[in-house]
């Protein structure tokens, strides 16, 4: 839950995952596959939208997101709010998406 530690971890993990995804898409293209769907919760946060043709986003109201997070992770409302506030806003997701 420490934003600075999360940033360090993401800086290590996300570039490696990006390279794996690009390589997999290259292999699929070589096989003649014309379309590939990438489902990634962090697609926009990691700037992977730079190498896809379209971004489709499903928006969930913040209250719903908070309730699901509290139930799934068994955390307090305060912790859920803190985690959500550390994420990209719905408004920014909408702005960077092609289809909502």
PDB file of N, CA and C in Angstrom:
ATOM      1  N   UNK A   1       0.815  -1.208   0.000  1.00  0.00           N
ATOM      2  CA  UNK A   1       0.000   0.000   0.000  1.00  0.00           C
ATOM      3  C   UNK A   1       0.854   1.265   0.000  1.00  0.00           C
ATOM      4  N   UNK A   2       2.181   1.125  -0.017  1.00  0.00           N
ATOM      5  CA  UNK A   2       3.089   2.273  -0.073  1.00  0.00           C
ATOM      6  C   UNK A   2       3.269   2.694  -1.532  1.00  0.00           C
ATOM      7  N   UNK A   3       2.770   3.881  -1.910  1.00  0.00           N
ATOM      8  CA  UNK A   3       2.845   4.314  -3.303  1.00  0.00           C
ATOM      9  C   UNK A   3       4.265   4.333  -3.876  1.00  0.00           C
ATOM     10  N   UNK A   4       5.249   4.715  -3.085  1.00  0.00           N
ATOM     11  CA  UNK A   4       6.616   4.772  -3.613  1.00  0.00           C
ATOM     12  C   UNK A   4       7.153   3.367  -3.885  1.00  0.00           C
ATOM     13  N   UNK A   5       6.839   2.417  -3.019  1.00  0.00           N
ATOM     14  CA  UNK A   5       7.266   1.036  -3.252  1.00  0.00           C
ATOM     15  C   UNK A   5       6.538   0.435  -4.447  1.00  0.00           C
ATOM     16  N   UNK A   6       5.264   0.778  -4.595  1.00  0.00           N
ATOM     17  CA  UNK A   6       4.495   0.283  -5.733  1.00  0.00           C
ATOM     18  C   UNK A   6       5.072   0.817  -7.039  1.00  0.00           C
ATOM     19  N   UNK A   7       5.484   2.076  -7.032  1.00  0.00           N
ATOM     20  CA  UNK A   7       6.066   2.679  -8.232  1.00  0.00           C
ATOM     21  C   UNK A   7       7.367   1.966  -8.619  1.00  0.00           C
ATOM     22  N   UNK A   8       8.193   1.642  -7.640  1.00  0.00           N
ATOM     23  CA  UNK A   8       9.443   0.920  -7.902  1.00  0.00           C
ATOM     24  C   UNK A   8       9.134  -0.457  -8.485  1.00  0.00           C
ATOM     25  N   UNK A   9       8.210  -1.178  -7.861  1.00  0.00           N
ATOM     26  CA  UNK A   9       7.845  -2.508  -8.337  1.00  0.00           C
ATOM     27  C   UNK A   9       7.288  -2.450  -9.756  1.00  0.00           C
ATOM     28  N   UNK A  10       6.392  -1.504 -10.008  1.00  0.00           N
ATOM     29  CA  UNK A  10       5.817  -1.361 -11.344  1.00  0.00           C
ATOM     30  C   UNK A  10       6.887  -1.031 -12.377  1.00  0.00           C
ATOM     31  N   UNK A  11       7.864  -0.239 -11.992  1.00  0.00           N
ATOM     32  CA  UNK A  11       8.956   0.115 -12.896  1.00  0.00           C
ATOM     33  C   UNK A  11       9.803  -1.080 -13.293  1.00  0.00           C
ATOM     34  N   UNK A  12       9.795  -2.095 -12.470  1.00  0.00           N
ATOM     35  CA  UNK A  12      10.531  -3.330 -12.774  1.00  0.00           C
ATOM     36  C   UNK A  12       9.658  -4.298 -13.578  1.00  0.00           C
ATOM     37  N   UNK A  13       8.440  -4.485 -13.125  1.00  0.00           N
ATOM     38  CA  UNK A  13       7.569  -5.512 -13.694  1.00  0.00           C
ATOM     39  C   UNK A  13       6.928  -5.095 -15.015  1.00  0.00           C
ATOM     40  N   UNK A  14       6.376  -3.888 -15.085  1.00  0.00           N
ATOM     41  CA  UNK A  14       5.620  -3.484 -16.267  1.00  0.00           C
ATOM     42  C   UNK A  14       6.428  -3.514 -17.560  1.00  0.00           C
ATOM     43  N   UNK A  15       7.659  -3.020 -17.604  1.00  0.00           N
ATOM     44  CA  UNK A  15       8.416  -3.096 -18.862  1.00  0.00           C
ATOM     45  C   UNK A  15       8.636  -4.538 -19.333  1.00  0.00           C
ATOM     46  N   UNK A  16       8.867  -5.443 -18.404  1.00  0.00           N
ATOM     47  CA  UNK A  16       9.074  -6.847 -18.772  1.00  0.00           C
ATOM     48  C   UNK A  16       7.789  -7.446 -19.344  1.00  0.00           C
ATOM     49  N   UNK A  17       6.666  -7.156 -18.717  1.00  0.00           N
ATOM     50  CA  UNK A  17       5.384  -7.667 -19.209  1.00  0.00           C
ATOM     51  C   UNK A  17       5.072  -7.060 -20.572  1.00  0.00           C
ATOM     52  N   UNK A  18       5.369  -5.784 -20.746  1.00  0.00           N
ATOM     53  CA  UNK A  18       5.137  -5.121 -22.032  1.00  0.00           C
ATOM     54  C   UNK A  18       5.911  -5.829 -23.134  1.00  0.00           C
ATOM     55  N   UNK A  19       7.170  -6.139 -22.892  1.00  0.00           N
ATOM     56  CA  UNK A  19       7.987  -6.814 -23.905  1.00  0.00           C
ATOM     57  C   UNK A  19       7.416  -8.189 -24.226  1.00  0.00           C
ATOM     58  N   UNK A  20       6.976  -8.921 -23.217  1.00  0.00           N
ATOM     59  CA  UNK A  20       6.364 -10.234 -23.449  1.00  0.00           C
ATOM     60  C   UNK A  20       5.097 -10.107 -24.299  1.00  0.00           C
ATOM     61  N   UNK A  21       4.280  -9.107 -24.015  1.00  0.00           N
ATOM     62  CA  UNK A  21       3.045  -8.899 -24.771  1.00  0.00           C
ATOM     63  C   UNK A  21       3.344  -8.536 -26.220  1.00  0.00           C
ATOM     64  N   UNK A  22       4.301  -7.655 -26.434  1.00  0.00           N
ATOM     65  CA  UNK A  22       4.671  -7.258 -27.797  1.00  0.00           C
ATOM     66  C   UNK A  22       5.187  -8.467 -28.569  1.00  0.00           C
ATOM     67  N   UNK A  23       6.017  -9.273 -27.936  1.00  0.00           N
ATOM     68  CA  UNK A  23       6.565 -10.469 -28.583  1.00  0.00           C
ATOM     69  C   UNK A  23       5.456 -11.461 -28.929  1.00  0.00           C
ATOM     70  N   UNK A  24       4.523 -11.649 -28.024  1.00  0.00           N
ATOM     71  CA  UNK A  24       3.412 -12.567 -28.288  1.00  0.00           C
ATOM     72  C   UNK A  24       2.557 -12.060 -29.443  1.00  0.00           C
ATOM     73  N   UNK A  25       2.289 -10.755 -29.492  1.00  0.00           N
ATOM     74  CA  UNK A  25       1.508 -10.191 -30.598  1.00  0.00           C
ATOM     75  C   UNK A  25       2.254 -10.340 -31.921  1.00  0.00           C
ATOM     76  N   UNK A  26       3.577 -10.190 -31.902  1.00  0.00           N
ATOM     77  CA  UNK A  26       4.388 -10.369 -33.113  1.00  0.00           C
ATOM     78  C   UNK A  26       4.260 -11.802 -33.622  1.00  0.00           C
ATOM     79  N   UNK A  27       4.347 -12.772 -32.720  1.00  0.00           N
ATOM     80  CA  UNK A  27       4.224 -14.184 -33.094  1.00  0.00           C
ATOM     81  C   UNK A  27       2.848 -14.469 -33.695  1.00  0.00           C
ATOM     82  N   UNK A  28       1.814 -13.918 -33.084  1.00  0.00           N
ATOM     83  CA  UNK A  28       0.462 -14.116 -33.600  1.00  0.00           C
ATOM     84  C   UNK A  28       0.316 -13.517 -34.994  1.00  0.00           C
ATOM     85  N   UNK A  29       0.877 -12.342 -35.200  1.00  0.00           N
ATOM     86  CA  UNK A  29       0.810 -11.697 -36.513  1.00  0.00           C
ATOM     87  C   UNK A  29       1.516 -12.545 -37.560  1.00  0.00           C
ATOM     88  N   UNK A  30       2.666 -13.117 -37.206  1.00  0.00           N
ATOM     89  CA  UNK A  30       3.402 -13.987 -38.127  1.00  0.00           C
ATOM     90  C   UNK A  30       2.583 -15.217 -38.511  1.00  0.00           C
ATOM     91  N   UNK A  31       1.718 -15.668 -37.619  1.00  0.00           N
ATOM     92  CA  UNK A  31       0.860 -16.826 -37.883  1.00  0.00           C
ATOM     93  C   UNK A  31      -0.383 -16.444 -38.681  1.00  0.00           C
ATOM     94  N   UNK A  32      -0.536 -15.162 -38.979  1.00  0.00           N
ATOM     95  CA  UNK A  32      -1.680 -14.709 -39.749  1.00  0.00           C
ATOM     96  C   UNK A  32      -2.870 -14.262 -38.929  1.00  0.00           C
ATOM     97  N   UNK A  33      -2.709 -14.199 -37.633  1.00  0.00           N
ATOM     98  CA  UNK A  33      -3.804 -13.740 -36.776  1.00  0.00           C
ATOM     99  C   UNK A  33      -4.003 -12.247 -37.022  1.00  0.00           C
ATOM    100  N   UNK A  34      -5.235 -11.864 -37.332  1.00  0.00           N
ATOM    101  CA  UNK A  34      -5.514 -10.472 -37.681  1.00  0.00           C
ATOM    102  C   UNK A  34      -5.950  -9.619 -36.502  1.00  0.00           C
ATOM    103  N   UNK A  35      -6.416 -10.259 -35.441  1.00  0.00           N
ATOM    104  CA  UNK A  35      -6.884  -9.484 -34.298  1.00  0.00           C
ATOM    105  C   UNK A  35      -6.470 -10.178 -33.003  1.00  0.00           C
ATOM    106  N   UNK A  36      -6.083  -9.368 -32.054  1.00  0.00           N
ATOM    107  CA  UNK A  36      -5.675  -9.872 -30.746  1.00  0.00           C
ATOM    108  C   UNK A  36      -6.300  -8.961 -29.692  1.00  0.00           C
ATOM    109  N   UNK A  37      -6.851  -9.555 -28.657  1.00  0.00           N
ATOM    110  CA  UNK A  37      -7.442  -8.785 -27.566  1.00  0.00           C
ATOM    111  C   UNK A  37      -6.535  -8.907 -26.347  1.00  0.00           C
ATOM    112  N   UNK A  38      -6.164  -7.772 -25.798  1.00  0.00           N
ATOM    113  CA  UNK A  38      -5.340  -7.753 -24.593  1.00  0.00           C
ATOM    114  C   UNK A  38      -6.192  -7.232 -23.447  1.00  0.00           C
ATOM    115  N   UNK A  39      -6.356  -8.046 -22.420  1.00  0.00           N
ATOM    116  CA  UNK A  39      -7.084  -7.619 -21.231  1.00  0.00           C
ATOM    117  C   UNK A  39      -6.044  -7.349 -20.158  1.00  0.00           C
ATOM    118  N   UNK A  40      -5.980  -6.105 -19.727  1.00  0.00           N
ATOM    119  CA  UNK A  40      -4.984  -5.739 -18.715  1.00  0.00           C
ATOM    120  C   UNK A  40      -5.535  -4.616 -17.854  1.00  0.00           C
ATOM    121  N   UNK A  41      -5.638  -4.864 -16.580  1.00  0.00           N
ATOM    122  CA  UNK A  41      -6.165  -3.857 -15.657  1.00  0.00           C
ATOM    123  C   UNK A  41      -5.321  -2.590 -15.656  1.00  0.00           C
ATOM    124  N   UNK A  42      -4.039  -2.724 -15.953  1.00  0.00           N
ATOM    125  CA  UNK A  42      -3.126  -1.574 -15.891  1.00  0.00           C
ATOM    126  C   UNK A  42      -2.734  -1.064 -17.277  1.00  0.00           C
ATOM    127  N   UNK A  43      -3.486  -1.425 -18.304  1.00  0.00           N
ATOM    128  CA  UNK A  43      -3.128  -1.057 -19.672  1.00  0.00           C
ATOM    129  C   UNK A  43      -2.857   0.440 -19.815  1.00  0.00           C
ATOM    130  N   UNK A  44      -3.729   1.265 -19.293  1.00  0.00           N
ATOM    131  CA  UNK A  44      -3.540   2.712 -19.412  1.00  0.00           C
ATOM    132  C   UNK A  44      -2.462   3.224 -18.468  1.00  0.00           C
ATOM    133  N   UNK A  45      -2.459   2.737 -17.243  1.00  0.00           N
ATOM    134  CA  UNK A  45      -1.475   3.193 -16.261  1.00  0.00           C
ATOM    135  C   UNK A  45      -0.050   2.886 -16.710  1.00  0.00           C
ATOM    136  N   UNK A  46       0.114   1.745 -17.393  1.00  0.00           N
ATOM    137  CA  UNK A  46       1.436   1.320 -17.849  1.00  0.00           C
ATOM    138  C   UNK A  46       1.772   1.871 -19.230  1.00  0.00           C
ATOM    139  N   UNK A  47       0.866   2.659 -19.823  1.00  0.00           N
ATOM    140  CA  UNK A  47       1.034   3.247 -21.160  1.00  0.00           C
ATOM    141  C   UNK A  47       1.161   2.194 -22.258  1.00  0.00           C
ATOM    142  N   UNK A  48       0.531   1.043 -22.050  1.00  0.00           N
ATOM    143  CA  UNK A  48       0.539   0.018 -23.084  1.00  0.00           C
ATOM    144  C   UNK A  48      -0.425   0.365 -24.209  1.00  0.00           C
ATOM    145  N   UNK A  49      -1.240   1.391 -24.009  1.00  0.00           N
ATOM    146  CA  UNK A  49      -2.133   1.829 -25.073  1.00  0.00           C
ATOM    147  C   UNK A  49      -1.351   2.354 -26.270  1.00  0.00           C
ATOM    148  N   UNK A  50      -0.060   2.606 -26.097  1.00  0.00           N
ATOM    149  CA  UNK A  50       0.790   3.088 -27.187  1.00  0.00           C
ATOM    150  C   UNK A  50       0.983   2.038 -28.277  1.00  0.00           C
ATOM    151  N   UNK A  51       0.796   0.751 -27.960  1.00  0.00           N
ATOM    152  CA  UNK A  51       1.040  -0.270 -28.974  1.00  0.00           C
ATOM    153  C   UNK A  51      -0.206  -1.100 -29.302  1.00  0.00           C
ATOM    154  N   UNK A  52      -1.366  -0.541 -29.036  1.00  0.00           N
ATOM    155  CA  UNK A  52      -2.615  -1.185 -29.447  1.00  0.00           C
ATOM    156  C   UNK A  52      -3.389  -0.217 -30.337  1.00  0.00           C
ATOM    157  N   UNK A  53      -4.306  -0.758 -31.131  1.00  0.00           N
ATOM    158  CA  UNK A  53      -5.071   0.078 -32.057  1.00  0.00           C
ATOM    159  C   UNK A  53      -6.260   0.762 -31.397  1.00  0.00           C
ATOM    160  N   UNK A  54      -6.878   0.084 -30.447  1.00  0.00           N
ATOM    161  CA  UNK A  54      -8.037   0.639 -29.753  1.00  0.00           C
ATOM    162  C   UNK A  54      -7.996   0.258 -28.285  1.00  0.00           C
ATOM    163  N   UNK A  55      -8.550   1.123 -27.474  1.00  0.00           N
ATOM    164  CA  UNK A  55      -8.691   0.831 -26.045  1.00  0.00           C
ATOM    165  C   UNK A  55     -10.181   0.839 -25.712  1.00  0.00           C
ATOM    166  N   UNK A  56     -10.646  -0.274 -25.197  1.00  0.00           N
ATOM    167  CA  UNK A  56     -12.024  -0.404 -24.727  1.00  0.00           C
ATOM    168  C   UNK A  56     -11.974  -0.405 -23.212  1.00  0.00           C
ATOM    169  N   UNK A  57     -12.821   0.380 -22.591  1.00  0.00           N
ATOM    170  CA  UNK A  57     -12.811   0.495 -21.136  1.00  0.00           C
ATOM    171  C   UNK A  57     -14.212   0.303 -20.568  1.00  0.00           C
ATOM    172  N   UNK A  58     -14.279  -0.428 -19.486  1.00  0.00           N
ATOM    173  CA  UNK A  58     -15.522  -0.576 -18.727  1.00  0.00           C
ATOM    174  C   UNK A  58     -15.372   0.280 -17.478  1.00  0.00           C
ATOM    175  N   UNK A  59     -16.294   1.184 -17.281  1.00  0.00           N
ATOM    176  CA  UNK A  59     -16.250   2.091 -16.137  1.00  0.00           C
ATOM    177  C   UNK A  59     -17.220   1.600 -15.062  1.00  0.00           C
ATOM    178  N   UNK A  60     -16.726   1.545 -13.853  1.00  0.00           N
ATOM    179  CA  UNK A  60     -17.536   1.156 -12.698  1.00  0.00           C
ATOM    180  C   UNK A  60     -17.609   2.365 -11.765  1.00  0.00           C
ATOM    181  N   UNK A  61     -18.791   2.709 -11.284  1.00  0.00           N
ATOM    182  CA  UNK A  61     -18.874   3.823 -10.333  1.00  0.00           C
ATOM    183  C   UNK A  61     -17.941   3.584  -9.145  1.00  0.00           C
ATOM    184  N   UNK A  62     -17.350   4.653  -8.642  1.00  0.00           N
ATOM    185  CA  UNK A  62     -16.379   4.539  -7.553  1.00  0.00           C
ATOM    186  C   UNK A  62     -16.961   3.827  -6.331  1.00  0.00           C
ATOM    187  N   UNK A  63     -18.213   4.092  -6.026  1.00  0.00           N
ATOM    188  CA  UNK A  63     -18.846   3.448  -4.868  1.00  0.00           C
ATOM    189  C   UNK A  63     -18.902   1.932  -5.054  1.00  0.00           C
ATOM    190  N   UNK A  64     -19.259   1.495  -6.248  1.00  0.00           N
ATOM    191  CA  UNK A  64     -19.299   0.058  -6.550  1.00  0.00           C
ATOM    192  C   UNK A  64     -17.905  -0.538  -6.449  1.00  0.00           C
ATOM    193  N   UNK A  65     -16.952   0.171  -6.991  1.00  0.00           N
ATOM    194  CA  UNK A  65     -15.558  -0.274  -6.938  1.00  0.00           C
ATOM    195  C   UNK A  65     -15.093  -0.427  -5.495  1.00  0.00           C
ATOM    196  N   UNK A  66     -15.443   0.548  -4.676  1.00  0.00           N
ATOM    197  CA  UNK A  66     -15.059   0.523  -3.259  1.00  0.00           C
ATOM    198  C   UNK A  66     -15.679  -0.678  -2.553  1.00  0.00           C
ATOM    199  N   UNK A  67     -16.967  -0.902  -2.785  1.00  0.00           N
ATOM    200  CA  UNK A  67     -17.658  -2.021  -2.137  1.00  0.00           C
ATOM    201  C   UNK A  67     -17.056  -3.363  -2.550  1.00  0.00           C
ATOM    202  N   UNK A  68     -16.775  -3.519  -3.838  1.00  0.00           N
ATOM    203  CA  UNK A  68     -16.180  -4.772  -4.323  1.00  0.00           C
ATOM    204  C   UNK A  68     -14.800  -4.995  -3.720  1.00  0.00           C
ATOM    205  N   UNK A  69     -14.019  -3.944  -3.668  1.00  0.00           N
ATOM    206  CA  UNK A  69     -12.665  -4.032  -3.119  1.00  0.00           C
ATOM    207  C   UNK A  69     -12.696  -4.408  -1.639  1.00  0.00           C
ATOM    208  N   UNK A  70     -13.592  -3.789  -0.887  1.00  0.00           N
ATOM    209  CA  UNK A  70     -13.713  -4.097   0.539  1.00  0.00           C
ATOM    210  C   UNK A  70     -14.094  -5.564   0.745  1.00  0.00           C
ATOM    211  N   UNK A  71     -15.034  -6.036  -0.050  1.00  0.00           N
ATOM    212  CA  UNK A  71     -15.503  -7.415   0.090  1.00  0.00           C
ATOM    213  C   UNK A  71     -14.428  -8.409  -0.355  1.00  0.00           C
ATOM    214  N   UNK A  72     -13.837  -8.175  -1.523  1.00  0.00           N
ATOM    215  CA  UNK A  72     -12.851  -9.109  -2.069  1.00  0.00           C
ATOM    216  C   UNK A  72     -11.601  -9.209  -1.204  1.00  0.00           C
ATOM    217  N   UNK A  73     -11.107  -8.059  -0.732  1.00  0.00           N
ATOM    218  CA  UNK A  73      -9.836  -8.030   0.006  1.00  0.00           C
ATOM    219  C   UNK A  73     -10.019  -7.985   1.519  1.00  0.00           C
ATOM    220  N   UNK A  74     -11.273  -7.947   1.951  1.00  0.00           N
ATOM    221  CA  UNK A  74     -11.571  -7.869   3.383  1.00  0.00           C
ATOM    222  C   UNK A  74     -10.811  -6.710   4.042  1.00  0.00           C
ATOM    223  N   UNK A  75     -10.995  -5.514   3.460  1.00  0.00           N
ATOM    224  CA  UNK A  75     -10.311  -4.323   3.974  1.00  0.00           C
ATOM    225  C   UNK A  75     -11.338  -3.283   4.399  1.00  0.00           C
ATOM    226  N   UNK A  76     -10.868  -2.296   5.130  1.00  0.00           N
ATOM    227  CA  UNK A  76     -11.749  -1.232   5.615  1.00  0.00           C
ATOM    228  C   UNK A  76     -12.119  -0.281   4.479  1.00  0.00           C
ATOM    229  N   UNK A  77     -13.145   0.515   4.734  1.00  0.00           N
ATOM    230  CA  UNK A  77     -13.559   1.522   3.758  1.00  0.00           C
ATOM    231  C   UNK A  77     -12.426   2.519   3.517  1.00  0.00           C
ATOM    232  N   UNK A  78     -11.731   2.893   4.569  1.00  0.00           N
ATOM    233  CA  UNK A  78     -10.614   3.838   4.450  1.00  0.00           C
ATOM    234  C   UNK A  78      -9.505   3.279   3.552  1.00  0.00           C
ATOM    235  N   UNK A  79      -9.155   2.010   3.752  1.00  0.00           N
ATOM    236  CA  UNK A  79      -8.124   1.389   2.913  1.00  0.00           C
ATOM    237  C   UNK A  79      -8.579   1.296   1.463  1.00  0.00           C
ATOM    238  N   UNK A  80      -9.839   0.960   1.259  1.00  0.00           N
ATOM    239  CA  UNK A  80     -10.372   0.870  -0.100  1.00  0.00           C
ATOM    240  C   UNK A  80     -10.319   2.233  -0.782  1.00  0.00           C
ATOM    241  N   UNK A  81     -10.717   3.281  -0.076  1.00  0.00           N
ATOM    242  CA  UNK A  81     -10.668   4.631  -0.643  1.00  0.00           C
ATOM    243  C   UNK A  81      -9.238   5.028  -0.990  1.00  0.00           C
ATOM    244  N   UNK A  82      -8.304   4.674  -0.129  1.00  0.00           N
ATOM    245  CA  UNK A  82      -6.899   5.009  -0.363  1.00  0.00           C
ATOM    246  C   UNK A  82      -6.386   4.314  -1.637  1.00  0.00           C
ATOM    247  N   UNK A  83      -6.736   3.052  -1.799  1.00  0.00           N
ATOM    248  CA  UNK A  83      -6.301   2.310  -2.985  1.00  0.00           C
ATOM    249  C   UNK A  83      -6.916   2.889  -4.253  1.00  0.00           C
ATOM    250  N   UNK A  84      -8.188   3.213  -4.188  1.00  0.00           N
ATOM    251  CA  UNK A  84      -8.869   3.774  -5.354  1.00  0.00           C
ATOM    252  C   UNK A  84      -8.292   5.136  -5.709  1.00  0.00           C
ATOM    253  N   UNK A  85      -7.982   5.947  -4.707  1.00  0.00           N
ATOM    254  CA  UNK A  85      -7.434   7.283  -4.984  1.00  0.00           C
ATOM    255  C   UNK A  85      -6.037   7.206  -5.599  1.00  0.00           C
ATOM    256  N   UNK A  86      -5.346   6.079  -5.407  1.00  0.00           N
ATOM    257  CA  UNK A  86      -4.016   5.905  -5.997  1.00  0.00           C
ATOM    258  C   UNK A  86      -4.104   5.479  -7.465  1.00  0.00           C
ATOM    259  N   UNK A  87      -5.303   5.143  -7.919  1.00  0.00           N
ATOM    260  CA  UNK A  87      -5.497   4.693  -9.296  1.00  0.00           C
ATOM    261  C   UNK A  87      -5.868   5.860 -10.204  1.00  0.00           C
ATOM    262  N   UNK A  88      -5.787   5.603 -11.497  1.00  0.00           N
ATOM    263  CA  UNK A  88      -6.215   6.572 -12.496  1.00  0.00           C
ATOM    264  C   UNK A  88      -7.721   6.815 -12.326  1.00  0.00           C
ATOM    265  N   UNK A  89      -8.147   8.047 -12.484  1.00  0.00           N
ATOM    266  CA  UNK A  89      -9.567   8.373 -12.325  1.00  0.00           C
ATOM    267  C   UNK A  89     -10.378   7.852 -13.514  1.00  0.00           C
ATOM    268  N   UNK A  90     -11.682   7.661 -13.279  1.00  0.00           N
ATOM    269  CA  UNK A  90     -12.565   7.260 -14.369  1.00  0.00           C
ATOM    270  C   UNK A  90     -12.549   8.293 -15.487  1.00  0.00           C
ATOM    271  N   UNK A  91     -12.483   9.566 -15.146  1.00  0.00           N
ATOM    272  CA  UNK A  91     -12.462  10.625 -16.159  1.00  0.00           C
ATOM    273  C   UNK A  91     -11.243  10.486 -17.070  1.00  0.00           C
ATOM    274  N   UNK A  92     -10.090  10.202 -16.489  1.00  0.00           N
ATOM    275  CA  UNK A  92      -8.889  10.034 -17.307  1.00  0.00           C
ATOM    276  C   UNK A  92      -8.972   8.760 -18.145  1.00  0.00           C
ATOM    277  N   UNK A  93      -9.522   7.697 -17.584  1.00  0.00           N
ATOM    278  CA  UNK A  93      -9.695   6.455 -18.355  1.00  0.00           C
ATOM    279  C   UNK A  93     -10.580   6.711 -19.576  1.00  0.00           C
ATOM    280  N   UNK A  94     -11.670   7.438 -19.358  1.00  0.00           N
ATOM    281  CA  UNK A  94     -12.586   7.760 -20.453  1.00  0.00           C
ATOM    282  C   UNK A  94     -11.870   8.577 -21.520  1.00  0.00           C
ATOM    283  N   UNK A  95     -11.106   9.563 -21.090  1.00  0.00           N
ATOM    284  CA  UNK A  95     -10.393  10.429 -22.029  1.00  0.00           C
ATOM    285  C   UNK A  95      -9.409   9.638 -22.892  1.00  0.00           C
ATOM    286  N   UNK A  96      -8.789   8.613 -22.339  1.00  0.00           N
ATOM    287  CA  UNK A  96      -7.762   7.862 -23.056  1.00  0.00           C
ATOM    288  C   UNK A  96      -8.291   6.613 -23.756  1.00  0.00           C
ATOM    289  N   UNK A  97      -9.609   6.418 -23.730  1.00  0.00           N
ATOM    290  CA  UNK A  97     -10.207   5.220 -24.318  1.00  0.00           C
ATOM    291  C   UNK A  97     -10.950   5.553 -25.599  1.00  0.00           C
ATOM    292  N   UNK A  98     -11.031   4.556 -26.475  1.00  0.00           N
ATOM    293  CA  UNK A  98     -11.751   4.723 -27.735  1.00  0.00           C
ATOM    294  C   UNK A  98     -13.217   4.325 -27.598  1.00  0.00           C
ATOM    295  N   UNK A  99     -13.466   3.288 -26.832  1.00  0.00           N
ATOM    296  CA  UNK A  99     -14.826   2.787 -26.644  1.00  0.00           C
ATOM    297  C   UNK A  99     -15.066   2.624 -25.150  1.00  0.00           C
ATOM    298  N   UNK A 100     -16.190   3.174 -24.674  1.00  0.00           N
ATOM    299  CA  UNK A 100     -16.528   3.114 -23.251  1.00  0.00           C
ATOM    300  C   UNK A 100     -17.735   2.213 -23.079  1.00  0.00           C
TER     301      UNK A 100
END
